[in-house]
Protein backbone atom coordinates (compact mmCIF):
# COMPACT_ATOMS: atom_id res chain seq x y z
CA GLN A 1 137.96 15.92 256.34
CA VAL A 2 135.11 13.68 256.95
CA GLN A 3 136.09 9.81 257.39
CA LEU A 4 133.99 6.82 258.08
CA VAL A 5 135.77 3.88 258.92
CA GLU A 6 133.79 0.24 259.42
CA SER A 7 135.37 -2.70 261.62
CA GLY A 8 133.78 -5.72 262.85
CA GLY A 9 133.06 -7.96 259.89
CA GLY A 10 133.94 -11.20 259.40
CA LEU A 11 133.19 -15.13 258.90
CA VAL A 12 130.42 -16.18 261.42
CA ARG A 13 128.05 -19.69 261.21
CA PRO A 14 124.53 -19.14 260.83
CA GLY A 15 122.57 -18.35 264.22
CA GLY A 16 125.92 -16.32 265.20
CA SER A 17 126.31 -12.61 265.97
CA LEU A 18 128.46 -9.84 265.13
CA ARG A 19 128.91 -6.16 266.23
CA LEU A 20 129.85 -3.69 263.34
CA SER A 21 131.34 -0.23 264.13
CA CYS A 22 131.56 2.79 262.05
CA ALA A 23 134.25 5.27 263.72
CA THR A 24 133.82 8.59 262.38
CA SER A 25 135.82 11.82 262.38
CA GLY A 26 135.82 15.27 260.68
CA PHE A 27 132.51 16.79 261.30
CA THR A 28 130.29 17.55 264.19
CA PHE A 29 129.19 13.68 265.27
CA GLY A 30 125.49 13.51 266.67
CA ILE A 31 123.58 16.34 264.81
CA HIS A 32 123.33 14.16 261.32
CA PRO A 33 121.58 10.95 260.67
CA MET A 34 123.61 8.10 260.43
CA SER A 35 122.79 4.82 258.50
CA TRP A 36 123.82 1.07 257.90
CA TYR A 37 123.49 -0.33 254.09
CA ARG A 38 124.48 -3.48 252.97
CA GLN A 39 125.13 -5.03 249.41
CA ALA A 40 125.06 -8.63 248.59
CA PRO A 41 126.79 -9.86 245.35
CA ALA A 42 124.62 -9.03 242.36
CA LYS A 43 122.29 -7.20 244.22
CA ALA A 44 121.40 -3.52 244.86
CA ARG A 45 122.58 -1.72 247.99
CA GLU A 46 119.73 -1.74 250.40
CA LEU A 47 119.09 0.17 253.81
CA VAL A 48 119.62 -1.66 256.70
CA ALA A 49 119.18 1.03 259.86
CA ARG A 50 118.90 4.78 260.22
CA ILE A 51 119.57 6.52 263.67
CA THR A 52 118.92 10.22 263.99
CA SER A 53 120.11 12.80 266.18
CA GLY A 54 117.51 12.16 268.41
CA GLU A 55 118.37 8.57 268.58
CA GLY A 56 114.91 7.84 266.94
CA THR A 57 115.53 4.50 264.64
CA VAL A 58 114.47 3.18 261.55
CA TYR A 59 114.84 -0.63 260.35
CA VAL A 60 114.02 -2.53 257.11
CA ASP A 61 110.98 -4.37 258.25
CA SER A 62 112.44 -7.92 257.39
CA LEU A 63 115.46 -6.97 259.92
CA LYS A 64 113.66 -5.78 262.72
CA GLY A 65 114.24 -7.76 265.94
CA ARG A 66 117.56 -9.02 264.71
CA PHE A 67 119.54 -5.83 264.16
CA THR A 68 119.99 -2.76 266.51
CA ILE A 69 121.56 0.44 265.22
CA SER A 70 122.98 2.54 268.13
CA LYS A 71 125.44 5.24 268.44
CA ASP A 72 127.85 6.63 271.19
CA ASP A 73 128.24 10.44 270.56
CA PRO A 74 131.38 10.84 272.80
CA LYS A 75 133.05 8.18 270.65
CA SER A 76 131.55 9.45 267.35
CA THR A 77 130.71 5.94 266.65
CA VAL A 78 127.67 4.07 265.37
CA TYR A 79 127.29 0.24 265.72
CA LEU A 80 125.16 -2.15 264.30
CA GLN A 81 124.35 -5.14 266.40
CA MET A 82 123.35 -8.35 264.24
CA ASN A 83 122.14 -11.39 266.04
CA ASN A 84 120.68 -14.60 264.59
CA LEU A 85 122.56 -14.15 261.28
CA GLN A 86 121.58 -15.98 258.22
CA PRO A 87 123.27 -16.68 254.85
CA ASN A 88 121.30 -14.36 253.18
CA ASP A 89 122.71 -11.51 255.33
CA THR A 90 126.07 -12.07 253.63
CA ALA A 91 126.94 -8.72 252.08
CA LEU A 92 129.26 -5.59 252.42
CA TYR A 93 128.06 -3.44 255.32
CA SER A 94 128.66 0.38 254.95
CA CYS A 95 127.63 3.43 256.95
CA LYS A 96 126.59 6.50 255.67
CA LEU A 97 126.41 9.94 256.65
CA LEU A 98 124.06 12.47 255.43
CA ARG A 99 125.21 15.96 256.42
CA TRP A 100 123.12 18.76 254.81
CA GLY A 101 121.91 17.06 252.03
CA GLN A 102 125.43 15.51 251.24
CA GLU A 103 126.29 12.11 251.69
CA PHE A 104 129.59 10.39 252.70
CA TRP A 105 130.34 6.61 252.86
CA GLY A 106 132.67 4.52 254.29
CA ARG A 107 134.45 1.71 252.35
CA GLY A 108 132.50 -1.33 254.33
CA THR A 109 133.22 -4.16 256.35
CA GLN A 110 132.47 -7.65 254.58
CA VAL A 111 129.89 -10.05 256.73
CA THR A 112 129.78 -13.76 255.29
CA VAL A 113 127.35 -16.24 257.03
CA SER A 114 128.49 -19.64 256.16
CA SER A 115 128.36 -23.04 257.84
C-alpha cells in the first residue's frame, strides 16, 4: 500500500526557513517522479517543484532560488528546503507520487508564515 506522509511544517516568521519531508513506503522509491504542491486558502493547488528519478528538477519560476527539492533514495524520502519564507508562502504543502500514470497524495503539512 502506497503511503506518503509529510512533516516539517509549522509557524515561521517572514525571512525564516523550513525543511519539509515526505516519507514514503509501499512502492519502489527512486524510479518515479515526486512532486511538492501547495494550496493556499481560497486558491487552486499549484506545483512547487518536481524531482525525477535521475534527480532532474523543475521549479515554479517564482520560487526558483528560494526553494530546493531533493531526495534520499535509501530513506525513500523527498525533501523541500524553503528559505526566505514570506506570508504568501502560507499554504498546505503536499507531496505527490506519479506512478505509471496514477497519482498518490499525502495529507499535507501546514506552513504558516506570519510575524
